[in-house]
Amino acid sequence: MPRILPITIALRTLQGKRLPERCRISAETAIAWLRSVSGQDFGVDAEAWAGWLRSNRWAYYQTPQVKPVFESDAGCHLVTIPLRVNRHGCPMVGIPARAKIEITVSQGRTLEDGYQEMRGVFVSGNQAGLRTLAHFLLSVSETERSGFHQHLDPDTFPNYYRSPEGYWLTIGQWESRQDRRRKRNQADTSSLEK
């Protein structure tokens, strides 16, 4: 399946045109994407956006730079994170300057007061750091590249990532969305044959 550019998704959303399920976004998100790329604000006026884009074709190849959108629904907090990929299909995650996380690995032990410390991996950070980690996780999960992985380490991300024990964190997936779709289609086909 060919990749649909984010600005095409945004424009088609405002025009009320059909999009694959994986590409559906809200009108608010579409407007935010268009504003971030163009510096213009035509609101929900799809015709005005289409006219501007016809004169500024370069905008189709820009990646929207928008902050996560927070929506509240019956006490739940939904965080929407824009997923961006480069021309090779690899996810791209921007790291805010204030974002910090720390990975600590504990082998477990008994403390002086008899308390048993759990054995495990502990992830801690500030809000921006944890949201950035979530962004990494979602970006890797949604890539079209089978076996894609992302290393987080202090050499690559010195201002963001810290591990006192010197551990790297590698986020990887075993199969791409395309592989999962192929398996689902094979399962559907085999069930129809029975």
N, C-alpha and C. Protein backbone atom coordinates (compact mmCIF):
# COMPACT_ATOMS: atom_id res chain seq x y z
N MET A 1 0.84 -1.18 0.00
CA MET A 1 0.00 0.00 0.00
C MET A 1 0.88 1.24 0.00
N PRO A 2 0.66 2.17 -0.91
CA PRO A 2 1.49 3.36 -0.95
C PRO A 2 1.27 4.24 0.28
N ARG A 3 2.29 4.96 0.63
CA ARG A 3 2.21 5.86 1.78
C ARG A 3 1.47 7.13 1.38
N ILE A 4 0.55 7.56 2.22
CA ILE A 4 -0.18 8.80 1.98
C ILE A 4 0.50 9.88 2.81
N LEU A 5 0.85 10.99 2.17
CA LEU A 5 1.52 12.07 2.87
C LEU A 5 0.60 12.72 3.90
N PRO A 6 1.16 13.14 5.04
CA PRO A 6 0.34 13.73 6.10
C PRO A 6 -0.53 14.91 5.63
N ILE A 7 0.01 15.75 4.76
CA ILE A 7 -0.78 16.91 4.32
C ILE A 7 -1.94 16.47 3.43
N THR A 8 -1.74 15.41 2.66
CA THR A 8 -2.83 14.85 1.86
C THR A 8 -3.92 14.32 2.78
N ILE A 9 -3.52 13.65 3.85
CA ILE A 9 -4.49 13.14 4.84
C ILE A 9 -5.27 14.30 5.44
N ALA A 10 -4.57 15.35 5.81
CA ALA A 10 -5.22 16.51 6.43
C ALA A 10 -6.23 17.14 5.47
N LEU A 11 -5.83 17.37 4.23
CA LEU A 11 -6.72 18.01 3.26
C LEU A 11 -7.93 17.12 2.97
N ARG A 12 -7.69 15.82 2.76
CA ARG A 12 -8.80 14.90 2.46
C ARG A 12 -9.76 14.80 3.64
N THR A 13 -9.22 14.91 4.86
CA THR A 13 -10.08 14.90 6.04
C THR A 13 -11.03 16.09 6.01
N LEU A 14 -10.49 17.28 5.74
CA LEU A 14 -11.34 18.48 5.70
C LEU A 14 -12.33 18.44 4.53
N GLN A 15 -11.93 17.76 3.45
CA GLN A 15 -12.82 17.66 2.29
C GLN A 15 -13.89 16.57 2.47
N GLY A 16 -13.77 15.82 3.56
CA GLY A 16 -14.74 14.75 3.83
C GLY A 16 -14.56 13.54 2.93
N LYS A 17 -13.37 13.38 2.36
CA LYS A 17 -13.11 12.25 1.47
C LYS A 17 -12.72 11.02 2.28
N ARG A 18 -12.95 9.86 1.68
CA ARG A 18 -12.63 8.59 2.34
C ARG A 18 -11.13 8.41 2.45
N LEU A 19 -10.73 7.85 3.58
CA LEU A 19 -9.33 7.54 3.84
C LEU A 19 -9.26 6.15 4.45
N PRO A 20 -8.12 5.46 4.25
CA PRO A 20 -7.96 4.17 4.94
C PRO A 20 -8.09 4.39 6.44
N GLU A 21 -8.55 3.39 7.16
CA GLU A 21 -8.77 3.52 8.60
C GLU A 21 -7.52 4.00 9.32
N ARG A 22 -6.35 3.50 8.92
CA ARG A 22 -5.10 3.85 9.59
C ARG A 22 -4.74 5.33 9.42
N CYS A 23 -5.40 6.01 8.47
CA CYS A 23 -5.08 7.41 8.18
C CYS A 23 -6.13 8.39 8.69
N ARG A 24 -7.13 7.91 9.38
CA ARG A 24 -8.20 8.81 9.82
C ARG A 24 -7.77 9.65 11.00
N ILE A 25 -8.00 10.96 10.86
CA ILE A 25 -7.69 11.91 11.93
C ILE A 25 -8.88 12.84 12.10
N SER A 26 -8.92 13.57 13.19
CA SER A 26 -10.00 14.53 13.42
C SER A 26 -9.76 15.79 12.59
N ALA A 27 -10.81 16.56 12.41
CA ALA A 27 -10.68 17.84 11.69
C ALA A 27 -9.74 18.77 12.45
N GLU A 28 -9.78 18.72 13.78
CA GLU A 28 -8.90 19.57 14.59
C GLU A 28 -7.43 19.23 14.34
N THR A 29 -7.13 17.93 14.27
CA THR A 29 -5.76 17.50 14.00
C THR A 29 -5.35 17.91 12.59
N ALA A 30 -6.27 17.75 11.63
CA ALA A 30 -5.98 18.14 10.24
C ALA A 30 -5.61 19.62 10.15
N ILE A 31 -6.39 20.44 10.82
CA ILE A 31 -6.13 21.88 10.80
C ILE A 31 -4.78 22.19 11.46
N ALA A 32 -4.49 21.52 12.58
CA ALA A 32 -3.21 21.73 13.27
C ALA A 32 -2.05 21.36 12.36
N TRP A 33 -2.18 20.23 11.64
CA TRP A 33 -1.11 19.82 10.72
C TRP A 33 -0.91 20.86 9.62
N LEU A 34 -2.01 21.30 9.01
CA LEU A 34 -1.93 22.27 7.92
C LEU A 34 -1.34 23.60 8.40
N ARG A 35 -1.77 24.04 9.57
CA ARG A 35 -1.23 25.29 10.12
C ARG A 35 0.28 25.18 10.36
N SER A 36 0.71 24.03 10.92
CA SER A 36 2.12 23.90 11.28
C SER A 36 3.02 23.91 10.05
N VAL A 37 2.55 23.37 8.95
CA VAL A 37 3.36 23.31 7.73
C VAL A 37 3.31 24.62 6.96
N SER A 38 2.14 25.24 6.93
CA SER A 38 1.95 26.39 6.04
C SER A 38 2.16 27.75 6.72
N GLY A 39 1.92 27.81 8.01
CA GLY A 39 1.92 29.10 8.68
C GLY A 39 0.65 29.89 8.39
N GLN A 40 -0.29 29.27 7.68
CA GLN A 40 -1.56 29.89 7.32
C GLN A 40 -2.65 29.37 8.26
N ASP A 41 -3.81 30.02 8.24
CA ASP A 41 -4.94 29.55 9.03
C ASP A 41 -6.23 29.80 8.27
N PHE A 42 -6.71 28.77 7.58
CA PHE A 42 -7.98 28.85 6.86
C PHE A 42 -9.07 28.08 7.60
N GLY A 43 -8.78 27.66 8.84
CA GLY A 43 -9.78 26.94 9.64
C GLY A 43 -10.24 25.69 8.93
N VAL A 44 -11.56 25.47 8.88
CA VAL A 44 -12.12 24.27 8.26
C VAL A 44 -12.42 24.46 6.77
N ASP A 45 -12.00 25.57 6.18
CA ASP A 45 -12.28 25.88 4.78
C ASP A 45 -11.37 25.04 3.86
N ALA A 46 -11.85 23.87 3.48
CA ALA A 46 -11.07 22.94 2.66
C ALA A 46 -10.70 23.54 1.31
N GLU A 47 -11.60 24.34 0.72
CA GLU A 47 -11.32 24.96 -0.57
C GLU A 47 -10.14 25.92 -0.48
N ALA A 48 -10.12 26.72 0.58
CA ALA A 48 -9.02 27.68 0.77
C ALA A 48 -7.71 26.94 0.97
N TRP A 49 -7.73 25.86 1.77
CA TRP A 49 -6.51 25.06 1.96
C TRP A 49 -6.04 24.45 0.63
N ALA A 50 -6.99 23.89 -0.12
CA ALA A 50 -6.64 23.25 -1.40
C ALA A 50 -6.02 24.28 -2.36
N GLY A 51 -6.59 25.48 -2.40
CA GLY A 51 -6.04 26.54 -3.25
C GLY A 51 -4.63 26.93 -2.84
N TRP A 52 -4.43 27.09 -1.55
CA TRP A 52 -3.10 27.44 -1.06
C TRP A 52 -2.10 26.33 -1.38
N LEU A 53 -2.51 25.07 -1.18
CA LEU A 53 -1.61 23.94 -1.45
C LEU A 53 -1.29 23.81 -2.95
N ARG A 54 -2.24 24.14 -3.82
CA ARG A 54 -1.96 24.10 -5.27
C ARG A 54 -0.84 25.06 -5.62
N SER A 55 -0.78 26.20 -4.94
CA SER A 55 0.26 27.20 -5.21
C SER A 55 1.55 26.92 -4.44
N ASN A 56 1.50 26.01 -3.49
CA ASN A 56 2.65 25.75 -2.62
C ASN A 56 2.85 24.24 -2.48
N ARG A 57 3.13 23.59 -3.60
CA ARG A 57 3.23 22.11 -3.63
C ARG A 57 4.30 21.58 -2.68
N TRP A 58 5.31 22.38 -2.39
CA TRP A 58 6.37 21.96 -1.48
C TRP A 58 5.82 21.53 -0.13
N ALA A 59 4.69 22.09 0.27
CA ALA A 59 4.13 21.81 1.61
C ALA A 59 3.73 20.35 1.78
N TYR A 60 3.40 19.68 0.68
CA TYR A 60 3.01 18.27 0.78
C TYR A 60 4.14 17.42 1.34
N TYR A 61 5.37 17.84 1.15
CA TYR A 61 6.52 17.02 1.55
C TYR A 61 7.10 17.43 2.90
N GLN A 62 6.38 18.28 3.62
CA GLN A 62 6.81 18.70 4.95
C GLN A 62 6.13 17.82 5.99
N THR A 63 6.79 17.67 7.12
CA THR A 63 6.21 16.90 8.22
C THR A 63 5.61 17.87 9.22
N PRO A 64 4.33 17.69 9.54
CA PRO A 64 3.70 18.58 10.53
C PRO A 64 4.44 18.53 11.86
N GLN A 65 4.69 19.67 12.45
CA GLN A 65 5.34 19.77 13.75
C GLN A 65 4.30 20.27 14.73
N VAL A 66 3.57 19.36 15.32
CA VAL A 66 2.54 19.76 16.27
C VAL A 66 2.77 19.09 17.60
N LYS A 67 2.35 19.77 18.64
CA LYS A 67 2.45 19.21 19.98
C LYS A 67 1.34 18.19 20.15
N PRO A 68 1.52 17.24 21.07
CA PRO A 68 0.43 16.29 21.35
C PRO A 68 -0.84 17.04 21.73
N VAL A 69 -1.96 16.46 21.37
CA VAL A 69 -3.25 17.04 21.67
C VAL A 69 -3.84 16.28 22.85
N PHE A 70 -4.33 17.00 23.84
CA PHE A 70 -4.91 16.36 25.01
C PHE A 70 -6.41 16.59 25.02
N GLU A 71 -7.15 15.51 25.08
CA GLU A 71 -8.60 15.61 25.10
C GLU A 71 -9.09 14.92 26.36
N SER A 72 -10.12 15.46 26.97
CA SER A 72 -10.69 14.84 28.15
C SER A 72 -12.06 14.29 27.80
N ASP A 73 -12.31 13.04 28.15
CA ASP A 73 -13.59 12.41 27.85
C ASP A 73 -14.02 11.60 29.07
N ALA A 74 -15.02 12.07 29.77
CA ALA A 74 -15.57 11.38 30.94
C ALA A 74 -14.48 11.00 31.94
N GLY A 75 -13.61 11.94 32.23
CA GLY A 75 -12.58 11.68 33.22
C GLY A 75 -11.35 10.98 32.68
N CYS A 76 -11.38 10.54 31.44
CA CYS A 76 -10.21 9.89 30.83
C CYS A 76 -9.38 10.95 30.11
N HIS A 77 -8.12 10.72 30.04
CA HIS A 77 -7.22 11.66 29.38
C HIS A 77 -6.64 10.96 28.16
N LEU A 78 -6.97 11.41 26.98
CA LEU A 78 -6.47 10.82 25.74
C LEU A 78 -5.34 11.70 25.22
N VAL A 79 -4.19 11.10 24.98
CA VAL A 79 -3.06 11.84 24.44
C VAL A 79 -2.85 11.37 23.01
N THR A 80 -2.90 12.29 22.07
CA THR A 80 -2.69 11.97 20.66
C THR A 80 -1.30 12.43 20.28
N ILE A 81 -0.51 11.52 19.73
CA ILE A 81 0.87 11.83 19.37
C ILE A 81 1.02 11.68 17.86
N PRO A 82 1.48 12.73 17.16
CA PRO A 82 1.69 12.61 15.71
C PRO A 82 2.87 11.68 15.43
N LEU A 83 2.66 10.68 14.58
CA LEU A 83 3.73 9.76 14.23
C LEU A 83 4.30 10.18 12.88
N ARG A 84 5.60 10.44 12.86
CA ARG A 84 6.27 10.90 11.64
C ARG A 84 7.28 9.85 11.21
N VAL A 85 7.46 9.72 9.91
CA VAL A 85 8.48 8.83 9.37
C VAL A 85 9.31 9.59 8.35
N ASN A 86 10.56 9.16 8.18
CA ASN A 86 11.39 9.80 7.16
C ASN A 86 11.15 9.11 5.82
N ARG A 87 11.88 9.50 4.80
CA ARG A 87 11.63 8.96 3.46
C ARG A 87 11.98 7.49 3.34
N HIS A 88 12.67 6.92 4.33
CA HIS A 88 13.01 5.50 4.32
C HIS A 88 12.00 4.68 5.11
N GLY A 89 10.98 5.35 5.66
CA GLY A 89 9.96 4.65 6.44
C GLY A 89 10.33 4.45 7.90
N CYS A 90 11.40 5.10 8.35
CA CYS A 90 11.82 4.98 9.75
C CYS A 90 11.14 6.06 10.59
N PRO A 91 10.66 5.71 11.78
CA PRO A 91 10.02 6.71 12.62
C PRO A 91 10.98 7.79 13.08
N MET A 92 10.45 8.99 13.23
CA MET A 92 11.24 10.12 13.71
C MET A 92 10.56 10.67 14.96
N VAL A 93 11.33 10.82 16.02
CA VAL A 93 10.78 11.32 17.28
C VAL A 93 11.58 12.55 17.69
N GLY A 94 10.89 13.64 17.89
CA GLY A 94 11.53 14.85 18.40
C GLY A 94 11.58 14.78 19.92
N ILE A 95 12.69 15.17 20.50
CA ILE A 95 12.84 15.12 21.95
C ILE A 95 12.88 16.54 22.50
N PRO A 96 11.87 16.90 23.30
CA PRO A 96 11.89 18.24 23.91
C PRO A 96 13.13 18.42 24.79
N ALA A 97 13.65 19.63 24.85
CA ALA A 97 14.88 19.90 25.61
C ALA A 97 14.73 19.52 27.07
N ARG A 98 13.55 19.65 27.63
CA ARG A 98 13.37 19.36 29.06
C ARG A 98 13.11 17.89 29.35
N ALA A 99 12.95 17.04 28.33
CA ALA A 99 12.62 15.62 28.52
C ALA A 99 13.80 14.85 29.11
N LYS A 100 13.51 14.06 30.15
CA LYS A 100 14.53 13.24 30.82
C LYS A 100 13.92 11.92 31.25
N ILE A 101 14.65 10.82 31.01
CA ILE A 101 14.27 9.53 31.59
C ILE A 101 15.51 8.85 32.14
N GLU A 102 15.27 7.92 33.07
CA GLU A 102 16.35 7.14 33.66
C GLU A 102 15.89 5.69 33.74
N ILE A 103 16.76 4.78 33.33
CA ILE A 103 16.51 3.35 33.41
C ILE A 103 17.43 2.80 34.48
N THR A 104 16.85 2.14 35.48
CA THR A 104 17.62 1.52 36.55
C THR A 104 17.29 0.04 36.58
N VAL A 105 18.31 -0.79 36.66
CA VAL A 105 18.12 -2.24 36.72
C VAL A 105 18.53 -2.70 38.11
N SER A 106 17.61 -3.40 38.78
CA SER A 106 17.89 -3.89 40.12
C SER A 106 17.84 -5.41 40.13
N GLN A 107 18.83 -6.03 40.73
CA GLN A 107 18.86 -7.49 40.85
C GLN A 107 18.04 -7.95 42.05
N GLY A 108 17.51 -7.01 42.82
CA GLY A 108 16.72 -7.34 44.00
C GLY A 108 17.64 -7.60 45.19
N ARG A 109 17.19 -7.24 46.35
CA ARG A 109 17.98 -7.45 47.56
C ARG A 109 17.11 -7.22 48.77
N THR A 110 17.61 -7.64 49.89
CA THR A 110 16.93 -7.40 51.15
C THR A 110 17.59 -6.21 51.83
N LEU A 111 16.80 -5.22 52.15
CA LEU A 111 17.34 -4.02 52.78
C LEU A 111 17.49 -4.24 54.29
N GLU A 112 18.17 -3.34 54.96
CA GLU A 112 18.45 -3.45 56.40
C GLU A 112 17.19 -3.63 57.23
N ASP A 113 16.11 -2.99 56.84
CA ASP A 113 14.87 -3.09 57.62
C ASP A 113 14.06 -4.33 57.28
N GLY A 114 14.64 -5.24 56.46
CA GLY A 114 13.96 -6.48 56.10
C GLY A 114 13.09 -6.36 54.85
N TYR A 115 12.95 -5.15 54.35
CA TYR A 115 12.14 -4.94 53.15
C TYR A 115 12.82 -5.60 51.96
N GLN A 116 12.05 -6.37 51.19
CA GLN A 116 12.57 -7.05 50.01
C GLN A 116 12.40 -6.14 48.79
N GLU A 117 13.51 -5.65 48.24
CA GLU A 117 13.46 -4.82 47.05
C GLU A 117 13.20 -5.72 45.85
N MET A 118 12.29 -5.31 45.00
CA MET A 118 11.95 -6.11 43.83
C MET A 118 13.11 -6.17 42.85
N ARG A 119 13.16 -7.27 42.15
CA ARG A 119 14.10 -7.42 41.05
C ARG A 119 13.38 -6.89 39.80
N GLY A 120 14.03 -6.03 39.05
CA GLY A 120 13.35 -5.52 37.86
C GLY A 120 14.03 -4.35 37.21
N VAL A 121 13.35 -3.87 36.20
CA VAL A 121 13.79 -2.70 35.45
C VAL A 121 12.84 -1.57 35.80
N PHE A 122 13.40 -0.43 36.18
CA PHE A 122 12.59 0.71 36.60
C PHE A 122 12.81 1.86 35.62
N VAL A 123 11.72 2.39 35.11
CA VAL A 123 11.76 3.52 34.20
C VAL A 123 11.16 4.70 34.94
N SER A 124 11.91 5.77 35.04
CA SER A 124 11.39 6.96 35.69
C SER A 124 11.80 8.18 34.86
N GLY A 125 11.06 9.25 35.00
CA GLY A 125 11.39 10.45 34.26
C GLY A 125 10.39 11.54 34.53
N ASN A 126 10.65 12.69 33.96
CA ASN A 126 9.67 13.76 34.08
C ASN A 126 8.57 13.52 33.04
N GLN A 127 7.52 14.34 33.10
CA GLN A 127 6.39 14.13 32.21
C GLN A 127 6.80 14.16 30.73
N ALA A 128 7.62 15.13 30.35
CA ALA A 128 8.06 15.22 28.95
C ALA A 128 8.89 13.99 28.56
N GLY A 129 9.70 13.50 29.48
CA GLY A 129 10.52 12.32 29.21
C GLY A 129 9.70 11.07 29.01
N LEU A 130 8.71 10.87 29.88
CA LEU A 130 7.86 9.68 29.77
C LEU A 130 6.98 9.75 28.52
N ARG A 131 6.50 10.93 28.19
CA ARG A 131 5.71 11.07 26.95
C ARG A 131 6.58 10.82 25.72
N THR A 132 7.82 11.25 25.78
CA THR A 132 8.73 10.99 24.66
C THR A 132 8.99 9.49 24.53
N LEU A 133 9.14 8.80 25.66
CA LEU A 133 9.31 7.35 25.62
C LEU A 133 8.07 6.69 25.00
N ALA A 134 6.89 7.17 25.37
CA ALA A 134 5.65 6.65 24.77
C ALA A 134 5.65 6.89 23.26
N HIS A 135 6.15 8.04 22.86
CA HIS A 135 6.24 8.39 21.43
C HIS A 135 7.17 7.40 20.72
N PHE A 136 8.32 7.09 21.34
CA PHE A 136 9.23 6.09 20.76
C PHE A 136 8.52 4.74 20.62
N LEU A 137 7.84 4.30 21.68
CA LEU A 137 7.16 3.00 21.66
C LEU A 137 6.11 2.95 20.55
N LEU A 138 5.28 3.98 20.46
CA LEU A 138 4.24 3.99 19.43
C LEU A 138 4.83 4.08 18.03
N SER A 139 5.87 4.87 17.88
CA SER A 139 6.50 5.02 16.56
C SER A 139 7.07 3.69 16.07
N VAL A 140 7.73 2.97 16.95
CA VAL A 140 8.30 1.67 16.56
C VAL A 140 7.18 0.69 16.26
N SER A 141 6.10 0.73 17.05
CA SER A 141 5.01 -0.23 16.84
C SER A 141 4.29 0.01 15.51
N GLU A 142 4.30 1.22 15.02
CA GLU A 142 3.55 1.55 13.80
C GLU A 142 4.39 1.57 12.53
N THR A 143 5.67 1.29 12.62
CA THR A 143 6.50 1.35 11.42
C THR A 143 6.13 0.24 10.44
N GLU A 144 6.39 0.48 9.19
CA GLU A 144 6.15 -0.51 8.14
C GLU A 144 7.35 -1.44 7.98
N ARG A 145 8.43 -1.18 8.70
CA ARG A 145 9.67 -1.94 8.52
C ARG A 145 9.73 -3.10 9.50
N SER A 146 9.74 -4.31 8.98
CA SER A 146 9.82 -5.51 9.82
C SER A 146 11.13 -5.54 10.58
N GLY A 147 11.08 -5.87 11.85
CA GLY A 147 12.28 -5.97 12.66
C GLY A 147 12.91 -4.64 13.04
N PHE A 148 12.21 -3.54 12.81
CA PHE A 148 12.78 -2.23 13.14
C PHE A 148 12.99 -2.13 14.64
N HIS A 149 14.06 -1.47 15.03
CA HIS A 149 14.32 -1.22 16.45
C HIS A 149 14.98 0.14 16.63
N GLN A 150 14.85 0.66 17.85
CA GLN A 150 15.40 1.96 18.20
C GLN A 150 16.19 1.80 19.49
N HIS A 151 17.45 2.22 19.48
CA HIS A 151 18.28 2.18 20.69
C HIS A 151 18.18 3.52 21.41
N LEU A 152 17.99 3.46 22.72
CA LEU A 152 18.11 4.65 23.55
C LEU A 152 19.34 4.43 24.41
N ASP A 153 20.26 5.32 24.32
CA ASP A 153 21.50 5.20 25.08
C ASP A 153 22.06 6.59 25.35
N PRO A 154 22.94 6.71 26.35
CA PRO A 154 23.44 8.03 26.71
C PRO A 154 24.36 8.67 25.66
N ASP A 155 24.94 7.86 24.77
CA ASP A 155 25.80 8.43 23.72
C ASP A 155 24.96 9.12 22.64
N THR A 156 23.85 8.47 22.27
CA THR A 156 22.99 9.01 21.22
C THR A 156 22.08 10.11 21.75
N PHE A 157 21.59 9.95 22.97
CA PHE A 157 20.65 10.90 23.56
C PHE A 157 21.16 11.37 24.93
N PRO A 158 22.29 12.06 24.97
CA PRO A 158 22.92 12.41 26.26
C PRO A 158 22.08 13.31 27.16
N ASN A 159 21.26 14.15 26.60
CA ASN A 159 20.46 15.05 27.44
C ASN A 159 19.11 14.45 27.83
N TYR A 160 18.75 13.31 27.21
CA TYR A 160 17.45 12.70 27.45
C TYR A 160 17.56 11.41 28.28
N TYR A 161 18.49 10.55 27.94
CA TYR A 161 18.54 9.20 28.49
C TYR A 161 19.68 9.03 29.49
N ARG A 162 19.37 8.39 30.62
CA ARG A 162 20.39 8.12 31.63
C ARG A 162 20.17 6.73 32.21
N SER A 163 21.24 5.99 32.42
CA SER A 163 21.20 4.70 33.10
C SER A 163 22.45 4.61 33.97
N PRO A 164 22.30 4.71 35.30
CA PRO A 164 23.47 4.65 36.18
C PRO A 164 24.32 3.39 35.99
N GLU A 165 23.65 2.27 35.63
CA GLU A 165 24.38 1.01 35.43
C GLU A 165 24.93 0.87 34.02
N GLY A 166 24.65 1.84 33.14
CA GLY A 166 25.18 1.82 31.78
C GLY A 166 24.38 0.99 30.79
N TYR A 167 23.12 0.68 31.11
CA TYR A 167 22.30 -0.11 30.20
C TYR A 167 21.74 0.75 29.07
N TRP A 168 21.60 0.13 27.91
CA TRP A 168 20.88 0.71 26.79
C TRP A 168 19.45 0.19 26.87
N LEU A 169 18.53 0.94 26.30
CA LEU A 169 17.16 0.46 26.15
C LEU A 169 16.93 0.32 24.65
N THR A 170 16.56 -0.87 24.22
CA THR A 170 16.26 -1.11 22.81
C THR A 170 14.79 -1.43 22.68
N ILE A 171 14.11 -0.69 21.83
CA ILE A 171 12.68 -0.89 21.57
C ILE A 171 12.59 -1.49 20.18
N GLY A 172 12.00 -2.66 20.06
CA GLY A 172 11.92 -3.31 18.75
C GLY A 172 10.59 -3.99 18.54
N GLN A 173 10.31 -4.30 17.29
CA GLN A 173 9.11 -5.05 16.97
C GLN A 173 9.49 -6.24 16.10
N TRP A 174 8.74 -7.30 16.25
CA TRP A 174 9.03 -8.51 15.50
C TRP A 174 8.46 -8.48 14.10
N GLU A 175 7.35 -7.80 13.94
CA GLU A 175 6.73 -7.77 12.61
C GLU A 175 6.12 -6.41 12.36
N SER A 176 6.08 -6.04 11.10
CA SER A 176 5.53 -4.73 10.74
C SER A 176 4.01 -4.83 10.61
N ARG A 177 3.37 -3.67 10.47
CA ARG A 177 1.93 -3.66 10.23
C ARG A 177 1.61 -4.42 8.96
N GLN A 178 2.48 -4.31 7.96
CA GLN A 178 2.26 -5.01 6.70
C GLN A 178 2.29 -6.52 6.91
N ASP A 179 3.24 -7.01 7.74
CA ASP A 179 3.30 -8.44 8.04
C ASP A 179 2.05 -8.90 8.77
N ARG A 180 1.60 -8.10 9.74
CA ARG A 180 0.39 -8.46 10.50
C ARG A 180 -0.83 -8.49 9.57
N ARG A 181 -0.91 -7.53 8.65
CA ARG A 181 -2.01 -7.49 7.70
C ARG A 181 -1.98 -8.72 6.80
N ARG A 182 -0.78 -9.09 6.34
CA ARG A 182 -0.63 -10.25 5.47
C ARG A 182 -1.09 -11.52 6.21
N LYS A 183 -0.68 -11.69 7.47
CA LYS A 183 -1.10 -12.86 8.26
C LYS A 183 -2.61 -12.88 8.46
N ARG A 184 -3.19 -11.70 8.74
CA ARG A 184 -4.63 -11.60 8.95
C ARG A 184 -5.37 -11.99 7.66
N ASN A 185 -4.87 -11.52 6.51
CA ASN A 185 -5.50 -11.84 5.23
C ASN A 185 -5.38 -13.33 4.93
N GLN A 186 -4.22 -13.93 5.25
CA GLN A 186 -4.05 -15.37 5.04
C GLN A 186 -5.01 -16.16 5.93
N ALA A 187 -5.19 -15.71 7.15
CA ALA A 187 -6.12 -16.39 8.07
C ALA A 187 -7.55 -16.26 7.55
N ASP A 188 -7.91 -15.07 7.05
CA ASP A 188 -9.26 -14.86 6.51
C ASP A 188 -9.48 -15.74 5.29
N THR A 189 -8.47 -15.85 4.42
CA THR A 189 -8.58 -16.66 3.22
C THR A 189 -8.73 -18.14 3.57
N SER A 190 -7.93 -18.62 4.52
CA SER A 190 -7.99 -20.03 4.89
C SER A 190 -9.32 -20.37 5.57
N SER A 191 -9.90 -19.41 6.32
CA SER A 191 -11.20 -19.70 6.95
C SER A 191 -12.31 -19.74 5.91
N LEU A 192 -12.15 -18.96 4.82
CA LEU A 192 -13.17 -18.99 3.75
C LEU A 192 -13.09 -20.29 2.96
N GLU A 193 -11.89 -20.87 2.86
CA GLU A 193 -11.71 -22.09 2.08
C GLU A 193 -12.31 -23.31 2.78
N LYS A 194 -12.48 -23.20 4.11
CA LYS A 194 -13.00 -24.36 4.86
C LYS A 194 -14.47 -24.51 4.74
